[in-house]
Amino acid sequence: MAKRILLAGTLLLCSMTLLSRAAAAQTVIIPFRLEDNLLIVNVFVDGRTATVILDTGSQSTFLTPEAVGLSNVIGLNNLHSNARIATGLSRNAAISLTQNSSIFNQPVTVIRLDDLNHRMRTKFNGILGQDFLRQFRTFTIDYRSKTVVFSR
């Protein structure tokens, strides 16, 4: 009888631990679109909508001056390629995946993306790199439903 009570108590404790972990985990699902094999998502930067490239190959996050609320910034270079990253202004930006999800105070490099925008014939406000993605336990790209699932 004592062994059954101990076993039942152990199972209950394990179940409670798993449930509390599941409740603590946050999952956010956001849609993406593909443009020239680039994953494009909309996020929020300092409370404003920003269109960014989700780039698992980029170590750092880059945002345009407009995305971080700066105007008339002189001396910023253009991002030409990952192989030759131009220098930019460093600052922190509040990035969230949705208006109601967690906000991450993320160090970013402020840089102009005029060349990329011109080549792609569209307007991007930045590139989310590995430094941002590492804040999540997992993220899954679902090409069928065209969503990205982020879990913490």
N, C-alpha and C. Protein backbone atom coordinates (compact mmCIF):
# COMPACT_ATOMS: atom_id res chain seq x y z
N MET A 1 0.82 -1.19 0.00
CA MET A 1 0.00 0.00 0.00
C MET A 1 0.87 1.26 0.00
N ALA A 2 1.91 1.27 0.84
CA ALA A 2 2.80 2.43 0.93
C ALA A 2 3.53 2.65 -0.40
N LYS A 3 3.88 1.53 -1.09
CA LYS A 3 4.56 1.65 -2.38
C LYS A 3 3.62 2.27 -3.41
N ARG A 4 2.32 1.89 -3.38
CA ARG A 4 1.35 2.47 -4.32
C ARG A 4 1.18 3.96 -4.09
N ILE A 5 1.13 4.36 -2.83
CA ILE A 5 0.99 5.78 -2.51
C ILE A 5 2.22 6.54 -2.95
N LEU A 6 3.40 5.97 -2.72
CA LEU A 6 4.66 6.61 -3.15
C LEU A 6 4.70 6.72 -4.66
N LEU A 7 4.33 5.64 -5.37
CA LEU A 7 4.31 5.66 -6.82
C LEU A 7 3.31 6.69 -7.34
N ALA A 8 2.11 6.74 -6.76
CA ALA A 8 1.09 7.71 -7.17
C ALA A 8 1.58 9.14 -6.92
N GLY A 9 2.22 9.36 -5.79
CA GLY A 9 2.76 10.69 -5.47
C GLY A 9 3.86 11.09 -6.45
N THR A 10 4.72 10.15 -6.80
CA THR A 10 5.80 10.41 -7.75
C THR A 10 5.22 10.75 -9.12
N LEU A 11 4.23 9.98 -9.58
CA LEU A 11 3.59 10.25 -10.86
C LEU A 11 2.91 11.61 -10.87
N LEU A 12 2.24 11.95 -9.78
CA LEU A 12 1.58 13.25 -9.67
C LEU A 12 2.61 14.37 -9.74
N LEU A 13 3.73 14.22 -9.04
CA LEU A 13 4.79 15.24 -9.05
C LEU A 13 5.37 15.40 -10.45
N CYS A 14 5.63 14.29 -11.13
CA CYS A 14 6.15 14.35 -12.50
C CYS A 14 5.16 15.05 -13.43
N SER A 15 3.88 14.72 -13.31
CA SER A 15 2.85 15.34 -14.14
C SER A 15 2.77 16.84 -13.88
N MET A 16 2.83 17.24 -12.61
CA MET A 16 2.77 18.66 -12.27
C MET A 16 3.98 19.39 -12.82
N THR A 17 5.16 18.77 -12.77
CA THR A 17 6.38 19.40 -13.29
C THR A 17 6.26 19.61 -14.80
N LEU A 18 5.79 18.58 -15.52
CA LEU A 18 5.62 18.71 -16.97
C LEU A 18 4.59 19.77 -17.33
N LEU A 19 3.48 19.82 -16.59
CA LEU A 19 2.46 20.82 -16.86
C LEU A 19 2.97 22.23 -16.58
N SER A 20 3.75 22.41 -15.52
CA SER A 20 4.26 23.75 -15.22
C SER A 20 5.27 24.18 -16.26
N ARG A 21 6.07 23.24 -16.77
CA ARG A 21 7.02 23.58 -17.84
C ARG A 21 6.27 23.96 -19.10
N ALA A 22 5.22 23.21 -19.42
CA ALA A 22 4.44 23.52 -20.61
C ALA A 22 3.77 24.87 -20.48
N ALA A 23 3.27 25.20 -19.29
CA ALA A 23 2.62 26.49 -19.08
C ALA A 23 3.63 27.62 -19.17
N ALA A 24 4.86 27.36 -18.73
CA ALA A 24 5.89 28.39 -18.75
C ALA A 24 6.41 28.63 -20.17
N ALA A 25 6.33 27.61 -21.03
CA ALA A 25 6.80 27.75 -22.40
C ALA A 25 5.85 28.67 -23.16
N GLN A 26 6.42 29.58 -23.89
CA GLN A 26 5.63 30.49 -24.70
C GLN A 26 5.85 30.14 -26.16
N THR A 27 4.76 30.03 -26.89
CA THR A 27 4.85 29.74 -28.31
C THR A 27 4.17 30.86 -29.07
N VAL A 28 4.87 31.37 -30.09
CA VAL A 28 4.33 32.42 -30.94
C VAL A 28 4.44 31.93 -32.38
N ILE A 29 3.35 32.05 -33.12
CA ILE A 29 3.33 31.64 -34.52
C ILE A 29 3.11 32.88 -35.37
N ILE A 30 4.01 33.08 -36.33
CA ILE A 30 3.86 34.23 -37.23
C ILE A 30 3.94 33.75 -38.68
N PRO A 31 3.21 34.41 -39.56
CA PRO A 31 3.26 34.03 -40.98
C PRO A 31 4.53 34.57 -41.64
N PHE A 32 4.93 33.92 -42.72
CA PHE A 32 6.03 34.43 -43.52
C PHE A 32 5.65 34.36 -44.99
N ARG A 33 6.40 35.07 -45.79
CA ARG A 33 6.27 34.94 -47.24
C ARG A 33 7.67 34.75 -47.81
N LEU A 34 7.76 34.12 -48.95
CA LEU A 34 9.04 33.89 -49.60
C LEU A 34 9.22 34.89 -50.74
N GLU A 35 10.39 35.51 -50.77
CA GLU A 35 10.77 36.37 -51.89
C GLU A 35 12.20 36.02 -52.24
N ASP A 36 12.39 35.49 -53.45
CA ASP A 36 13.72 35.04 -53.90
C ASP A 36 14.38 34.14 -52.86
N ASN A 37 13.62 33.20 -52.34
CA ASN A 37 14.08 32.22 -51.33
C ASN A 37 14.47 32.84 -50.00
N LEU A 38 14.03 34.05 -49.73
CA LEU A 38 14.24 34.69 -48.44
C LEU A 38 12.95 34.63 -47.65
N LEU A 39 13.05 34.30 -46.36
CA LEU A 39 11.88 34.28 -45.48
C LEU A 39 11.64 35.69 -44.96
N ILE A 40 10.50 36.23 -45.30
CA ILE A 40 10.15 37.60 -44.93
C ILE A 40 9.05 37.54 -43.87
N VAL A 41 9.28 38.21 -42.74
CA VAL A 41 8.29 38.25 -41.66
C VAL A 41 8.08 39.70 -41.24
N ASN A 42 6.93 39.95 -40.65
CA ASN A 42 6.66 41.26 -40.04
C ASN A 42 6.79 41.10 -38.54
N VAL A 43 7.54 42.00 -37.92
CA VAL A 43 7.73 42.03 -36.47
C VAL A 43 7.47 43.46 -36.00
N PHE A 44 7.67 43.68 -34.73
CA PHE A 44 7.52 45.03 -34.18
C PHE A 44 8.86 45.47 -33.60
N VAL A 45 9.29 46.65 -34.01
CA VAL A 45 10.53 47.25 -33.50
C VAL A 45 10.16 48.56 -32.84
N ASP A 46 10.44 48.65 -31.57
CA ASP A 46 10.09 49.84 -30.80
C ASP A 46 8.61 50.22 -31.02
N GLY A 47 7.75 49.19 -31.12
CA GLY A 47 6.31 49.41 -31.24
C GLY A 47 5.81 49.64 -32.64
N ARG A 48 6.71 49.73 -33.63
CA ARG A 48 6.31 49.96 -35.02
C ARG A 48 6.50 48.69 -35.83
N THR A 49 5.62 48.47 -36.81
CA THR A 49 5.74 47.31 -37.69
C THR A 49 6.99 47.44 -38.56
N ALA A 50 7.72 46.33 -38.69
CA ALA A 50 8.91 46.30 -39.53
C ALA A 50 8.91 45.01 -40.34
N THR A 51 9.27 45.11 -41.60
CA THR A 51 9.39 43.96 -42.47
C THR A 51 10.86 43.56 -42.50
N VAL A 52 11.13 42.31 -42.07
CA VAL A 52 12.52 41.88 -41.94
C VAL A 52 12.72 40.51 -42.59
N ILE A 53 13.97 40.23 -42.91
CA ILE A 53 14.37 38.93 -43.43
C ILE A 53 14.79 38.09 -42.24
N LEU A 54 14.27 36.88 -42.15
CA LEU A 54 14.68 35.93 -41.12
C LEU A 54 15.86 35.16 -41.71
N ASP A 55 17.06 35.41 -41.18
CA ASP A 55 18.28 34.88 -41.79
C ASP A 55 19.08 34.08 -40.78
N THR A 56 18.97 32.75 -40.85
CA THR A 56 19.70 31.89 -39.92
C THR A 56 21.20 31.90 -40.20
N GLY A 57 21.60 32.39 -41.35
CA GLY A 57 23.02 32.46 -41.68
C GLY A 57 23.71 33.72 -41.21
N SER A 58 22.94 34.70 -40.77
CA SER A 58 23.51 35.95 -40.28
C SER A 58 23.72 35.86 -38.77
N GLN A 59 24.90 36.16 -38.32
CA GLN A 59 25.17 36.11 -36.88
C GLN A 59 24.52 37.26 -36.14
N SER A 60 24.36 38.38 -36.79
CA SER A 60 23.88 39.60 -36.12
C SER A 60 22.56 40.07 -36.71
N THR A 61 21.89 40.92 -35.95
CA THR A 61 20.66 41.55 -36.39
C THR A 61 20.97 42.96 -36.87
N PHE A 62 20.42 43.30 -38.03
CA PHE A 62 20.63 44.61 -38.64
C PHE A 62 19.28 45.27 -38.84
N LEU A 63 19.20 46.55 -38.54
CA LEU A 63 17.97 47.31 -38.78
C LEU A 63 18.32 48.63 -39.44
N THR A 64 17.39 49.12 -40.24
CA THR A 64 17.58 50.42 -40.88
C THR A 64 17.38 51.53 -39.88
N PRO A 65 17.91 52.72 -40.17
CA PRO A 65 17.67 53.85 -39.26
C PRO A 65 16.18 54.13 -39.06
N GLU A 66 15.39 53.99 -40.11
CA GLU A 66 13.95 54.23 -40.01
C GLU A 66 13.28 53.25 -39.06
N ALA A 67 13.74 52.00 -39.07
CA ALA A 67 13.14 50.97 -38.21
C ALA A 67 13.35 51.27 -36.73
N VAL A 68 14.46 51.90 -36.39
CA VAL A 68 14.73 52.21 -34.98
C VAL A 68 14.41 53.66 -34.64
N GLY A 69 13.72 54.34 -35.55
CA GLY A 69 13.26 55.69 -35.26
C GLY A 69 14.31 56.78 -35.40
N LEU A 70 15.33 56.51 -36.20
CA LEU A 70 16.35 57.53 -36.44
C LEU A 70 16.16 58.12 -37.84
N SER A 71 16.41 59.39 -37.96
CA SER A 71 16.35 60.01 -39.29
C SER A 71 17.57 60.90 -39.46
N ASN A 72 17.93 61.12 -40.69
CA ASN A 72 19.06 61.99 -41.02
C ASN A 72 20.36 61.54 -40.38
N VAL A 73 20.58 60.22 -40.32
CA VAL A 73 21.84 59.71 -39.79
C VAL A 73 22.87 59.76 -40.91
N ILE A 74 23.97 60.44 -40.63
CA ILE A 74 25.01 60.62 -41.64
C ILE A 74 26.13 59.62 -41.38
N GLY A 75 26.70 59.10 -42.44
CA GLY A 75 27.88 58.25 -42.32
C GLY A 75 27.62 56.77 -42.18
N LEU A 76 26.37 56.34 -42.29
CA LEU A 76 26.09 54.91 -42.23
C LEU A 76 26.37 54.29 -43.58
N ASN A 77 26.99 53.12 -43.56
CA ASN A 77 27.28 52.41 -44.79
C ASN A 77 26.12 51.52 -45.16
N ASN A 78 26.17 51.02 -46.39
CA ASN A 78 25.22 50.04 -46.87
C ASN A 78 25.72 48.65 -46.56
N LEU A 79 24.82 47.72 -46.32
CA LEU A 79 25.18 46.32 -46.16
C LEU A 79 25.32 45.75 -47.56
N HIS A 80 26.54 45.36 -47.92
CA HIS A 80 26.77 44.85 -49.28
C HIS A 80 26.65 43.34 -49.36
N SER A 81 27.16 42.63 -48.36
CA SER A 81 27.04 41.17 -48.34
C SER A 81 27.44 40.68 -46.96
N ASN A 82 27.10 39.43 -46.65
CA ASN A 82 27.50 38.86 -45.38
C ASN A 82 29.02 38.74 -45.28
N ALA A 83 29.67 38.54 -46.41
CA ALA A 83 31.12 38.38 -46.41
C ALA A 83 31.81 39.69 -46.05
N ARG A 84 31.17 40.79 -46.39
CA ARG A 84 31.78 42.09 -46.13
C ARG A 84 30.75 42.98 -45.44
N ILE A 85 30.62 42.80 -44.13
CA ILE A 85 29.65 43.57 -43.37
C ILE A 85 30.21 44.95 -43.08
N ALA A 86 29.47 45.92 -43.50
CA ALA A 86 29.88 47.30 -43.27
C ALA A 86 29.63 47.68 -41.82
N THR A 87 30.34 48.65 -41.36
CA THR A 87 30.15 49.10 -39.99
C THR A 87 28.91 49.98 -39.92
N GLY A 88 28.31 49.98 -38.79
CA GLY A 88 27.13 50.80 -38.58
C GLY A 88 27.09 51.27 -37.15
N LEU A 89 26.03 51.92 -36.81
CA LEU A 89 25.80 52.44 -35.47
C LEU A 89 25.18 51.33 -34.63
N SER A 90 25.74 51.07 -33.45
CA SER A 90 25.17 50.04 -32.57
C SER A 90 24.22 50.70 -31.58
N ARG A 91 23.12 49.99 -31.31
CA ARG A 91 22.17 50.45 -30.31
C ARG A 91 21.26 49.29 -29.93
N ASN A 92 20.44 49.48 -28.94
CA ASN A 92 19.46 48.47 -28.55
C ASN A 92 18.11 48.83 -29.15
N ALA A 93 17.37 47.79 -29.52
CA ALA A 93 16.02 47.99 -30.04
C ALA A 93 15.10 47.00 -29.34
N ALA A 94 13.87 47.42 -29.09
CA ALA A 94 12.86 46.54 -28.50
C ALA A 94 12.16 45.82 -29.63
N ILE A 95 12.41 44.51 -29.75
CA ILE A 95 11.85 43.71 -30.84
C ILE A 95 10.86 42.69 -30.26
N SER A 96 9.69 42.63 -30.87
CA SER A 96 8.71 41.60 -30.50
C SER A 96 8.14 40.99 -31.77
N LEU A 97 7.76 39.72 -31.67
CA LEU A 97 7.25 39.01 -32.84
C LEU A 97 5.83 39.43 -33.20
N THR A 98 5.04 39.77 -32.18
CA THR A 98 3.68 40.27 -32.38
C THR A 98 3.47 41.43 -31.41
N GLN A 99 2.37 42.12 -31.55
CA GLN A 99 2.11 43.23 -30.64
C GLN A 99 1.95 42.76 -29.20
N ASN A 100 1.49 41.53 -29.00
CA ASN A 100 1.21 41.05 -27.66
C ASN A 100 2.22 40.05 -27.13
N SER A 101 3.31 39.79 -27.86
CA SER A 101 4.29 38.81 -27.38
C SER A 101 5.41 39.50 -26.62
N SER A 102 6.29 38.70 -26.07
CA SER A 102 7.41 39.22 -25.29
C SER A 102 8.25 40.19 -26.10
N ILE A 103 8.78 41.19 -25.40
CA ILE A 103 9.65 42.17 -26.04
C ILE A 103 11.08 41.85 -25.65
N PHE A 104 11.96 41.81 -26.64
CA PHE A 104 13.37 41.52 -26.41
C PHE A 104 14.17 42.79 -26.63
N ASN A 105 14.96 43.16 -25.64
CA ASN A 105 15.84 44.30 -25.78
C ASN A 105 17.10 43.79 -26.49
N GLN A 106 17.16 44.00 -27.78
CA GLN A 106 18.13 43.36 -28.66
C GLN A 106 19.19 44.35 -29.13
N PRO A 107 20.48 44.03 -28.94
CA PRO A 107 21.52 44.85 -29.57
C PRO A 107 21.45 44.66 -31.09
N VAL A 108 21.45 45.74 -31.82
CA VAL A 108 21.38 45.68 -33.28
C VAL A 108 22.43 46.61 -33.88
N THR A 109 22.73 46.37 -35.14
CA THR A 109 23.57 47.28 -35.91
C THR A 109 22.65 48.04 -36.84
N VAL A 110 22.71 49.36 -36.76
CA VAL A 110 21.89 50.21 -37.62
C VAL A 110 22.68 50.45 -38.90
N ILE A 111 22.07 50.08 -40.01
CA ILE A 111 22.78 50.13 -41.29
C ILE A 111 21.78 50.39 -42.40
N ARG A 112 22.22 50.95 -43.46
CA ARG A 112 21.35 51.19 -44.60
C ARG A 112 21.24 49.91 -45.44
N LEU A 113 20.03 49.65 -45.91
CA LEU A 113 19.80 48.48 -46.75
C LEU A 113 19.32 48.88 -48.15
N ASP A 114 19.73 50.08 -48.57
CA ASP A 114 19.27 50.61 -49.86
C ASP A 114 19.61 49.68 -51.03
N ASP A 115 20.84 49.14 -51.06
CA ASP A 115 21.25 48.26 -52.16
C ASP A 115 20.38 47.01 -52.20
N LEU A 116 20.14 46.40 -51.05
CA LEU A 116 19.32 45.20 -50.98
C LEU A 116 17.89 45.52 -51.41
N ASN A 117 17.35 46.61 -50.90
CA ASN A 117 15.98 47.00 -51.26
C ASN A 117 15.86 47.26 -52.76
N HIS A 118 16.89 47.86 -53.34
CA HIS A 118 16.87 48.16 -54.78
C HIS A 118 16.93 46.86 -55.59
N ARG A 119 17.82 45.94 -55.18
CA ARG A 119 17.95 44.66 -55.89
C ARG A 119 16.68 43.82 -55.78
N MET A 120 16.06 43.84 -54.63
CA MET A 120 14.87 43.02 -54.39
C MET A 120 13.58 43.71 -54.86
N ARG A 121 13.67 44.98 -55.19
CA ARG A 121 12.51 45.77 -55.61
C ARG A 121 11.40 45.77 -54.57
N THR A 122 11.81 45.81 -53.32
CA THR A 122 10.85 45.87 -52.22
C THR A 122 11.53 46.58 -51.05
N LYS A 123 10.82 46.78 -49.97
CA LYS A 123 11.36 47.53 -48.83
C LYS A 123 11.48 46.62 -47.62
N PHE A 124 12.72 46.42 -47.18
CA PHE A 124 12.99 45.68 -45.95
C PHE A 124 13.51 46.64 -44.90
N ASN A 125 13.13 46.39 -43.67
CA ASN A 125 13.60 47.23 -42.57
C ASN A 125 14.73 46.60 -41.79
N GLY A 126 15.09 45.36 -42.14
CA GLY A 126 16.17 44.74 -41.40
C GLY A 126 16.33 43.27 -41.66
N ILE A 127 17.27 42.70 -40.91
CA ILE A 127 17.59 41.28 -40.97
C ILE A 127 17.66 40.76 -39.55
N LEU A 128 16.83 39.77 -39.23
CA LEU A 128 16.91 39.12 -37.91
C LEU A 128 17.91 37.98 -38.02
N GLY A 129 18.96 38.05 -37.22
CA GLY A 129 20.02 37.05 -37.27
C GLY A 129 19.99 36.11 -36.08
N GLN A 130 21.05 35.32 -36.00
CA GLN A 130 21.16 34.30 -34.95
C GLN A 130 21.14 34.88 -33.55
N ASP A 131 21.67 36.09 -33.37
CA ASP A 131 21.67 36.67 -32.02
C ASP A 131 20.26 36.84 -31.49
N PHE A 132 19.30 37.12 -32.35
CA PHE A 132 17.89 37.20 -31.94
C PHE A 132 17.30 35.79 -31.80
N LEU A 133 17.57 34.93 -32.76
CA LEU A 133 16.98 33.58 -32.78
C LEU A 133 17.43 32.73 -31.60
N ARG A 134 18.63 32.97 -31.09
CA ARG A 134 19.13 32.19 -29.95
C ARG A 134 18.35 32.43 -28.67
N GLN A 135 17.49 33.41 -28.64
CA GLN A 135 16.68 33.67 -27.46
C GLN A 135 15.51 32.69 -27.33
N PHE A 136 15.34 31.84 -28.33
CA PHE A 136 14.26 30.87 -28.34
C PHE A 136 14.82 29.47 -28.17
N ARG A 137 14.05 28.62 -27.49
CA ARG A 137 14.44 27.23 -27.32
C ARG A 137 14.43 26.55 -28.69
N THR A 138 13.35 26.76 -29.44
CA THR A 138 13.24 26.23 -30.80
C THR A 138 12.50 27.22 -31.68
N PHE A 139 12.73 27.10 -32.96
CA PHE A 139 11.86 27.75 -33.93
C PHE A 139 11.76 26.81 -35.12
N THR A 140 10.56 26.70 -35.63
CA THR A 140 10.28 25.74 -36.69
C THR A 140 9.68 26.48 -37.88
N ILE A 141 10.22 26.22 -39.04
CA ILE A 141 9.70 26.82 -40.26
C ILE A 141 8.79 25.79 -40.91
N ASP A 142 7.52 26.12 -41.05
CA ASP A 142 6.54 25.23 -41.67
C ASP A 142 6.20 25.80 -43.04
N TYR A 143 6.82 25.23 -44.06
CA TYR A 143 6.62 25.75 -45.42
C TYR A 143 5.21 25.51 -45.93
N ARG A 144 4.59 24.44 -45.49
CA ARG A 144 3.23 24.15 -45.96
C ARG A 144 2.24 25.21 -45.51
N SER A 145 2.31 25.56 -44.22
CA SER A 145 1.37 26.57 -43.70
C SER A 145 1.94 27.98 -43.78
N LYS A 146 3.20 28.09 -44.25
CA LYS A 146 3.90 29.38 -44.36
C LYS A 146 3.88 30.14 -43.04
N THR A 147 4.29 29.41 -41.98
CA THR A 147 4.41 30.02 -40.65
C THR A 147 5.74 29.64 -40.03
N VAL A 148 6.16 30.45 -39.07
CA VAL A 148 7.31 30.15 -38.25
C VAL A 148 6.81 30.07 -36.81
N VAL A 149 7.16 28.99 -36.14
CA VAL A 149 6.73 28.76 -34.75
C VAL A 149 7.94 28.96 -33.85
N PHE A 150 7.86 29.95 -32.96
CA PHE A 150 8.92 30.26 -32.00
C PHE A 150 8.49 29.78 -30.63
N SER A 151 9.35 29.04 -29.94
CA SER A 151 9.04 28.56 -28.58
C SER A 151 10.16 28.93 -27.64
N ARG A 152 9.74 29.37 -26.44
CA ARG A 152 10.72 29.73 -25.40
C ARG A 152 10.63 28.76 -24.27
